[in-house]
Amino acid sequence: MQALIAGTERVAQGDLAARCEVSSRNEMGQLAAAFNRMTHQLGVAEAENDEWSRTLEKRVVEETEQRSRAQQQVLHMEKMASLGTLAATVAHELNN
């Protein structure tokens, strides 16, 4: 029983590697085995969450870079359009 209490305290502190020794097949042994399965599954879930977090961060960076490039292209196109308008105005004035 003390091992289970110590194990739950370790898990409560964030140690998902905590395991309890299964030394019997009675209810305490079954409880210890269930505890071990639970902590294992929590560790797996935490690893999956970490992976999703890294993937999401990578996607955010990629999307931000792509939007920045697109914004720069739009700005360049606007400048070129303004320059074209200016050139047309100057040409028109020179012809008059």
Foldseek 3Di string as FASTA:
>chain_A
DVLVVVQVVCVVVPPLVRAGDQDDDPPVSVVRVVSNVVSVVVVVVVVVVVVVVVVVVVVVVVVVVVVVVVVVVVVVVVVVVVVVVVVVVVVVVVVD
